[in-house]
Amino acid sequence: MKKFVKILVILGIVLCLCGGIVTAAGYIGGGLQELTGKASSSIPAVQSAKAQESLTFSPNEIGRLEFRLNSENIAFRSSDDGQIHIRYVKRDDVTYTAYQEQGAASDGLGTLVFTRKDTSSSTQLFHFGIEYDDDSADVQVALPKGLSVDVFTDSGDMEFSGVAIAALSVSTVSGDVDLTNVQADDLTVGTTSGDIDLEHTTVSGETNLETTSGELDLEDCTLNGPLSISSVSGDLEGQAIVSGNVTIGTTSGDVELELSGSPAHSAGNISTTSGEMNLHGLQAQADYVVNVSTVSGDVTIRH
């Protein structure tokens, strides 16, 4: 038994040493670059009595931003000086880190990652975003045009206003996602129970919206590419000009979609088990099609 324990201890030491060597090699080789940034006053302070930290980064060697957060609410605004600004509330139980991952793309641009690490094990339960202390930090980002953005949260809400993004990918469990006056080349939003709200948003490429039980609302959106919506029990309501195929899949959620002003659409694959299907204004033949699949949800589409 003692010999077995000794072997485990030696193995653990070897693994720790290997991890340290790999990490050091990453930094030395430029694969991972720790970033400290500099103080920024270009974005307003988060409304909080707590101490705040503000960082500024040049986008010259950055093509993509990635935020890996938990319960923090995060808001994106347009940068007025072409720089990337991140302001966040300092917390005793969380350490925030920004570092750059060198990209493998042909343009050679890397990814700026902003992430958190819990420094107090008593504040988090089972790693599912359930915290004893619900006094979560807020993060504000001033974003230049043309960057791709990925955001991952457990329960934090996300708000994007007046930004122009190359590709936006958002994933959350219970956080709400709000986009207002946003321009994006491609848009992907996925939630479990969080609501998705798009208002005056323009997407030039693909739009993919997926939720389990969250509500989806589209208001005066212009989608110049295919639109795909997937829901289990969440309802969809909204109006959009869609210049592409429309694909809607739901189990029990109701759908009411206004496509007035869009190019002509015809009925593609339409299937339901017990839900009511009301499709108005679709053409017998058109460049684009509407595909709908539902089990018990009611679907109303007006063209």
Protein backbone atom coordinates (compact mmCIF):
# COMPACT_ATOMS: atom_id res chain seq x y z
CA MET A 1 0.00 0.00 0.00
CA LYS A 2 2.80 2.42 0.92
CA LYS A 3 4.53 1.63 -2.37
CA PHE A 4 1.31 2.41 -4.26
CA VAL A 5 0.90 5.76 -2.47
CA LYS A 6 4.52 6.65 -3.20
CA ILE A 7 3.96 5.95 -6.90
CA LEU A 8 0.91 8.22 -6.95
CA VAL A 9 2.84 11.06 -5.27
CA ILE A 10 5.71 10.75 -7.76
CA LEU A 11 3.25 10.69 -10.66
CA GLY A 12 1.54 13.82 -9.37
CA ILE A 13 4.83 15.69 -9.12
CA VAL A 14 5.76 14.69 -12.65
CA LEU A 15 2.41 15.88 -14.02
CA CYS A 16 2.73 19.24 -12.26
CA LEU A 17 6.23 19.73 -13.66
CA CYS A 18 5.03 18.85 -17.16
CA GLY A 19 2.16 21.32 -16.87
CA GLY A 20 4.51 24.08 -15.80
CA ILE A 21 6.88 23.35 -18.67
CA VAL A 22 4.05 23.39 -21.24
CA THR A 23 2.65 26.67 -19.90
CA ALA A 24 6.07 28.31 -19.87
CA ALA A 25 6.73 27.12 -23.40
CA GLY A 26 3.41 28.61 -24.50
CA TYR A 27 4.28 32.02 -23.17
CA ILE A 28 7.86 31.97 -24.43
CA GLY A 29 6.78 30.79 -27.89
CA GLY A 30 4.06 33.43 -28.14
CA GLY A 31 1.21 30.90 -28.06
CA LEU A 32 -0.16 32.47 -24.88
CA GLN A 33 0.63 36.06 -24.06
CA GLU A 34 -0.38 37.49 -20.69
CA LEU A 35 -1.86 40.95 -21.18
CA THR A 36 -2.09 43.64 -18.57
CA GLY A 37 -3.40 46.45 -20.75
CA LYS A 38 -3.47 50.00 -19.46
CA ALA A 39 -5.91 52.09 -17.51
CA SER A 40 -8.80 53.41 -19.59
CA SER A 41 -11.29 56.21 -19.09
CA SER A 42 -12.98 55.82 -22.49
CA ILE A 43 -16.01 53.99 -21.14
CA PRO A 44 -18.15 55.05 -18.19
CA ALA A 45 -17.65 53.37 -14.86
CA VAL A 46 -19.91 50.52 -13.86
CA GLN A 47 -22.51 51.77 -11.42
CA SER A 48 -21.10 50.21 -8.28
CA ALA A 49 -19.63 51.33 -4.99
CA LYS A 50 -16.91 48.69 -5.38
CA ALA A 51 -13.45 49.32 -6.75
CA GLN A 52 -13.14 48.98 -10.51
CA GLU A 53 -10.44 48.01 -12.97
CA SER A 54 -10.16 49.33 -16.52
CA LEU A 55 -8.02 47.95 -19.34
CA THR A 56 -7.29 49.06 -22.90
CA PHE A 57 -5.92 46.92 -25.74
CA SER A 58 -4.91 47.69 -29.30
CA PRO A 59 -6.81 45.64 -31.92
CA ASN A 60 -3.88 45.66 -34.35
CA GLU A 61 -2.98 42.00 -33.69
CA ILE A 62 -6.41 40.87 -32.46
CA GLY A 63 -9.15 39.54 -34.69
CA ARG A 64 -11.38 37.91 -32.10
CA LEU A 65 -12.53 38.49 -28.52
CA GLU A 66 -13.63 35.69 -26.21
CA PHE A 67 -15.31 36.19 -22.84
CA ARG A 68 -15.62 33.23 -20.47
CA LEU A 69 -17.75 34.32 -17.54
CA ASN A 70 -20.20 32.99 -14.99
CA SER A 71 -22.86 35.21 -13.39
CA GLU A 72 -21.50 38.53 -14.61
CA ASN A 73 -23.76 40.79 -16.64
CA ILE A 74 -21.80 42.06 -19.64
CA ALA A 75 -22.59 45.02 -21.91
CA PHE A 76 -21.00 45.91 -25.26
CA ARG A 77 -20.91 49.41 -26.73
CA SER A 78 -19.14 50.89 -29.74
CA SER A 79 -15.61 52.18 -29.13
CA ASP A 80 -15.15 55.83 -30.05
CA ASP A 81 -11.35 55.66 -30.43
CA GLY A 82 -10.83 52.32 -32.21
CA GLN A 83 -9.37 50.65 -29.12
CA ILE A 84 -10.69 47.75 -27.05
CA HIS A 85 -11.70 48.87 -23.55
CA ILE A 86 -12.79 46.52 -20.76
CA ARG A 87 -14.01 47.80 -17.40
CA TYR A 88 -15.03 45.47 -14.59
CA VAL A 89 -15.79 45.52 -10.88
CA LYS A 90 -13.03 44.02 -8.72
CA ARG A 91 -14.06 41.17 -6.44
CA ASP A 92 -12.36 39.43 -3.55
CA ASP A 93 -13.61 36.00 -4.59
CA VAL A 94 -12.79 36.25 -8.32
CA THR A 95 -9.64 37.01 -10.30
CA TYR A 96 -10.02 38.25 -13.87
CA THR A 97 -7.34 37.50 -16.45
CA ALA A 98 -6.77 38.77 -20.00
CA TYR A 99 -4.39 36.97 -22.33
CA GLN A 100 -3.80 36.57 -26.04
CA GLU A 101 -3.89 33.30 -27.96
CA GLN A 102 -2.00 33.43 -31.25
CA GLY A 103 -4.28 32.58 -34.16
CA ALA A 104 -3.71 29.95 -36.79
CA ALA A 105 -5.63 31.89 -39.43
CA SER A 106 -3.91 33.20 -42.54
CA ASP A 107 -4.22 36.78 -41.31
CA GLY A 108 -2.13 35.87 -38.26
CA LEU A 109 -4.50 37.68 -35.88
CA GLY A 110 -4.88 36.28 -32.39
CA THR A 111 -7.70 35.97 -29.85
CA LEU A 112 -7.98 38.18 -26.79
CA VAL A 113 -9.47 36.07 -23.97
CA PHE A 114 -11.03 37.64 -20.88
CA THR A 115 -11.87 35.06 -18.23
CA ARG A 116 -12.45 34.58 -14.53
CA LYS A 117 -11.06 32.28 -11.89
CA ASP A 118 -12.75 31.74 -8.54
CA THR A 119 -10.30 32.36 -5.72
CA SER A 120 -12.68 31.30 -2.96
CA SER A 121 -14.06 27.77 -3.13
CA SER A 122 -16.90 28.66 -0.79
CA THR A 123 -18.61 30.96 -3.31
CA GLN A 124 -19.40 28.40 -6.00
CA LEU A 125 -21.40 25.19 -5.89
CA PHE A 126 -20.73 22.29 -8.22
CA HIS A 127 -19.44 24.53 -11.04
CA PHE A 128 -22.95 25.05 -12.37
CA GLY A 129 -22.98 28.80 -11.85
CA ILE A 130 -24.92 28.53 -8.58
CA GLU A 131 -23.30 30.86 -6.07
CA TYR A 132 -23.93 31.54 -2.42
CA ASP A 133 -23.05 35.19 -3.03
CA ASP A 134 -25.25 36.59 -5.80
CA ASP A 135 -23.51 40.00 -5.78
CA SER A 136 -22.05 39.40 -9.22
CA ALA A 137 -19.67 41.71 -11.06
CA ASP A 138 -20.57 43.71 -14.13
CA VAL A 139 -18.35 44.01 -17.19
CA GLN A 140 -18.51 46.76 -19.84
CA VAL A 141 -16.73 46.52 -23.19
CA ALA A 142 -16.07 49.27 -25.74
CA LEU A 143 -15.74 47.43 -29.03
CA PRO A 144 -14.11 48.60 -32.32
CA LYS A 145 -15.69 47.63 -35.63
CA GLY A 146 -14.91 44.40 -37.43
CA LEU A 147 -13.91 42.04 -34.60
CA SER A 148 -15.44 38.62 -34.01
CA VAL A 149 -16.85 38.10 -30.51
CA ASP A 150 -17.61 34.91 -28.56
CA VAL A 151 -19.31 35.14 -25.15
CA PHE A 152 -19.93 32.27 -22.72
CA THR A 153 -21.83 32.74 -19.44
CA ASP A 154 -23.79 30.59 -17.03
CA SER A 155 -26.39 33.04 -15.77
CA GLY A 156 -25.08 36.48 -16.71
CA ASP A 157 -27.15 38.67 -19.03
CA MET A 158 -25.61 40.02 -22.24
CA GLU A 159 -26.40 43.32 -23.92
CA PHE A 160 -25.08 44.51 -27.29
CA SER A 161 -25.92 48.03 -28.44
CA GLY A 162 -24.75 49.93 -31.52
CA VAL A 163 -21.83 47.64 -32.34
CA ALA A 164 -20.59 46.31 -35.70
CA ILE A 165 -19.23 42.77 -35.39
CA ALA A 166 -17.71 40.38 -37.91
CA ALA A 167 -19.20 37.26 -36.32
CA LEU A 168 -21.06 37.08 -33.01
CA SER A 169 -21.49 33.82 -31.10
CA VAL A 170 -23.28 33.82 -27.74
CA SER A 171 -23.91 30.89 -25.40
CA THR A 172 -25.59 31.02 -21.99
CA VAL A 173 -27.66 28.81 -19.71
CA SER A 174 -30.10 31.20 -18.05
CA GLY A 175 -28.81 34.63 -19.05
CA ASP A 176 -30.89 36.89 -21.30
CA VAL A 177 -29.43 38.13 -24.60
CA ASP A 178 -30.39 41.56 -25.97
CA LEU A 179 -29.18 43.01 -29.28
CA THR A 180 -30.15 46.55 -30.30
CA ASN A 181 -28.92 48.34 -33.43
CA VAL A 182 -26.31 45.67 -34.02
CA GLN A 183 -24.65 44.84 -37.34
CA ALA A 184 -23.07 41.42 -37.75
CA ASP A 185 -21.74 39.28 -40.57
CA ASP A 186 -22.99 36.11 -38.88
CA LEU A 187 -25.00 35.61 -35.69
CA THR A 188 -25.35 32.56 -33.45
CA VAL A 189 -27.24 32.71 -30.13
CA GLY A 190 -27.89 29.70 -27.90
CA THR A 191 -29.64 29.65 -24.51
CA THR A 192 -31.28 27.09 -22.27
CA SER A 193 -33.84 29.23 -20.44
CA GLY A 194 -32.60 32.73 -21.23
CA ASP A 195 -34.66 35.00 -23.47
CA ILE A 196 -33.37 36.25 -26.84
CA ASP A 197 -34.35 39.76 -27.98
CA LEU A 198 -33.21 41.25 -31.31
CA GLU A 199 -34.20 44.82 -32.15
CA HIS A 200 -33.18 46.80 -35.25
CA THR A 201 -30.45 44.26 -35.90
CA THR A 202 -28.91 43.59 -39.33
CA VAL A 203 -27.13 40.35 -40.23
CA SER A 204 -25.52 39.98 -43.64
CA GLY A 205 -24.90 36.22 -43.37
CA GLU A 206 -26.43 33.36 -41.38
CA THR A 207 -28.63 33.83 -38.31
CA ASN A 208 -29.00 30.89 -35.92
CA LEU A 209 -31.17 31.21 -32.81
CA GLU A 210 -31.61 28.29 -30.43
CA THR A 211 -33.28 28.00 -27.03
CA THR A 212 -34.89 25.33 -24.90
CA SER A 213 -37.50 27.33 -22.98
CA GLY A 214 -36.52 30.95 -23.47
CA GLU A 215 -38.70 33.46 -25.32
CA LEU A 216 -37.54 34.82 -28.71
CA ASP A 217 -38.50 38.27 -29.93
CA LEU A 218 -37.49 39.87 -33.25
CA GLU A 219 -38.34 43.51 -33.89
CA ASP A 220 -37.60 45.29 -37.18
CA CYS A 221 -34.64 43.08 -38.05
CA THR A 222 -33.01 42.76 -41.47
CA LEU A 223 -31.53 39.33 -42.07
CA ASN A 224 -29.79 39.12 -45.45
CA GLY A 225 -29.17 35.39 -45.25
CA PRO A 226 -30.77 32.18 -43.99
CA LEU A 227 -32.64 32.23 -40.66
CA SER A 228 -32.72 29.13 -38.46
CA ILE A 229 -34.76 29.03 -35.23
CA SER A 230 -34.91 26.06 -32.86
CA SER A 231 -37.00 25.91 -29.69
CA VAL A 232 -38.46 23.24 -27.42
CA SER A 233 -41.07 25.13 -25.41
CA GLY A 234 -40.08 28.77 -25.90
CA ASP A 235 -42.37 31.03 -27.93
CA LEU A 236 -41.23 33.13 -30.92
CA GLU A 237 -42.80 36.42 -31.90
CA GLY A 238 -41.48 39.09 -34.20
CA GLN A 239 -41.04 40.85 -37.52
CA ALA A 240 -38.04 40.59 -39.83
CA ILE A 241 -37.07 41.07 -43.45
CA VAL A 242 -35.41 37.79 -44.38
CA SER A 243 -33.53 37.37 -47.67
CA GLY A 244 -32.87 33.66 -47.33
CA ASN A 245 -34.44 30.37 -46.36
CA VAL A 246 -36.38 30.29 -43.08
CA THR A 247 -36.20 27.13 -40.96
CA ILE A 248 -38.23 26.85 -37.76
CA GLY A 249 -38.25 23.81 -35.48
CA THR A 250 -40.23 23.67 -32.24
CA THR A 251 -41.79 21.06 -29.98
CA SER A 252 -44.51 22.90 -28.07
CA GLY A 253 -43.57 26.55 -28.45
CA ASP A 254 -45.86 28.87 -30.41
CA VAL A 255 -44.49 30.85 -33.37
CA GLU A 256 -45.83 34.09 -34.82
CA LEU A 257 -43.54 35.60 -37.47
CA GLU A 258 -44.16 38.56 -39.76
CA LEU A 259 -42.09 38.49 -42.98
CA SER A 260 -43.63 41.49 -44.75
CA GLY A 261 -41.11 43.30 -46.94
CA SER A 262 -39.09 40.14 -47.49
CA PRO A 263 -38.44 38.63 -50.92
CA ALA A 264 -40.98 35.98 -51.93
CA HIS A 265 -40.91 32.67 -50.04
CA SER A 266 -42.59 29.38 -50.87
CA ALA A 267 -43.61 26.56 -48.54
CA GLY A 268 -40.89 23.95 -48.16
CA ASN A 269 -41.02 21.10 -45.64
CA ILE A 270 -44.05 21.71 -43.40
CA SER A 271 -44.93 19.18 -40.68
CA THR A 272 -46.96 19.15 -37.48
CA THR A 273 -48.50 16.54 -35.20
CA SER A 274 -51.24 18.42 -33.37
CA GLY A 275 -50.29 22.09 -33.68
CA GLU A 276 -52.17 24.58 -35.83
CA MET A 277 -50.37 25.84 -38.96
CA ASN A 278 -51.28 29.20 -40.50
CA LEU A 279 -49.09 30.26 -43.44
CA HIS A 280 -50.16 33.43 -45.23
CA GLY A 281 -48.74 35.05 -48.37
CA LEU A 282 -46.35 32.30 -49.41
CA GLN A 283 -45.85 31.85 -53.16
CA ALA A 284 -46.14 28.65 -55.17
CA GLN A 285 -42.55 29.14 -56.36
CA ALA A 286 -39.85 31.45 -55.02
CA ASP A 287 -36.10 31.69 -54.59
CA TYR A 288 -36.42 31.09 -50.84
CA VAL A 289 -38.45 28.58 -48.83
CA VAL A 290 -40.00 28.38 -45.38
CA ASN A 291 -39.51 25.08 -43.53
CA VAL A 292 -41.53 24.46 -40.37
CA SER A 293 -41.55 21.47 -38.04
CA THR A 294 -43.58 21.33 -34.82
CA VAL A 295 -45.20 18.74 -32.58
CA SER A 296 -47.90 20.62 -30.69
CA GLY A 297 -46.95 24.29 -31.09
CA ASP A 298 -49.08 26.67 -33.12
CA VAL A 299 -47.33 28.39 -36.05
CA THR A 300 -48.47 31.57 -37.82
CA ILE A 301 -46.36 33.12 -40.60
CA ARG A 302 -47.48 36.16 -42.57
CA HIS A 303 -45.67 37.31 -45.68
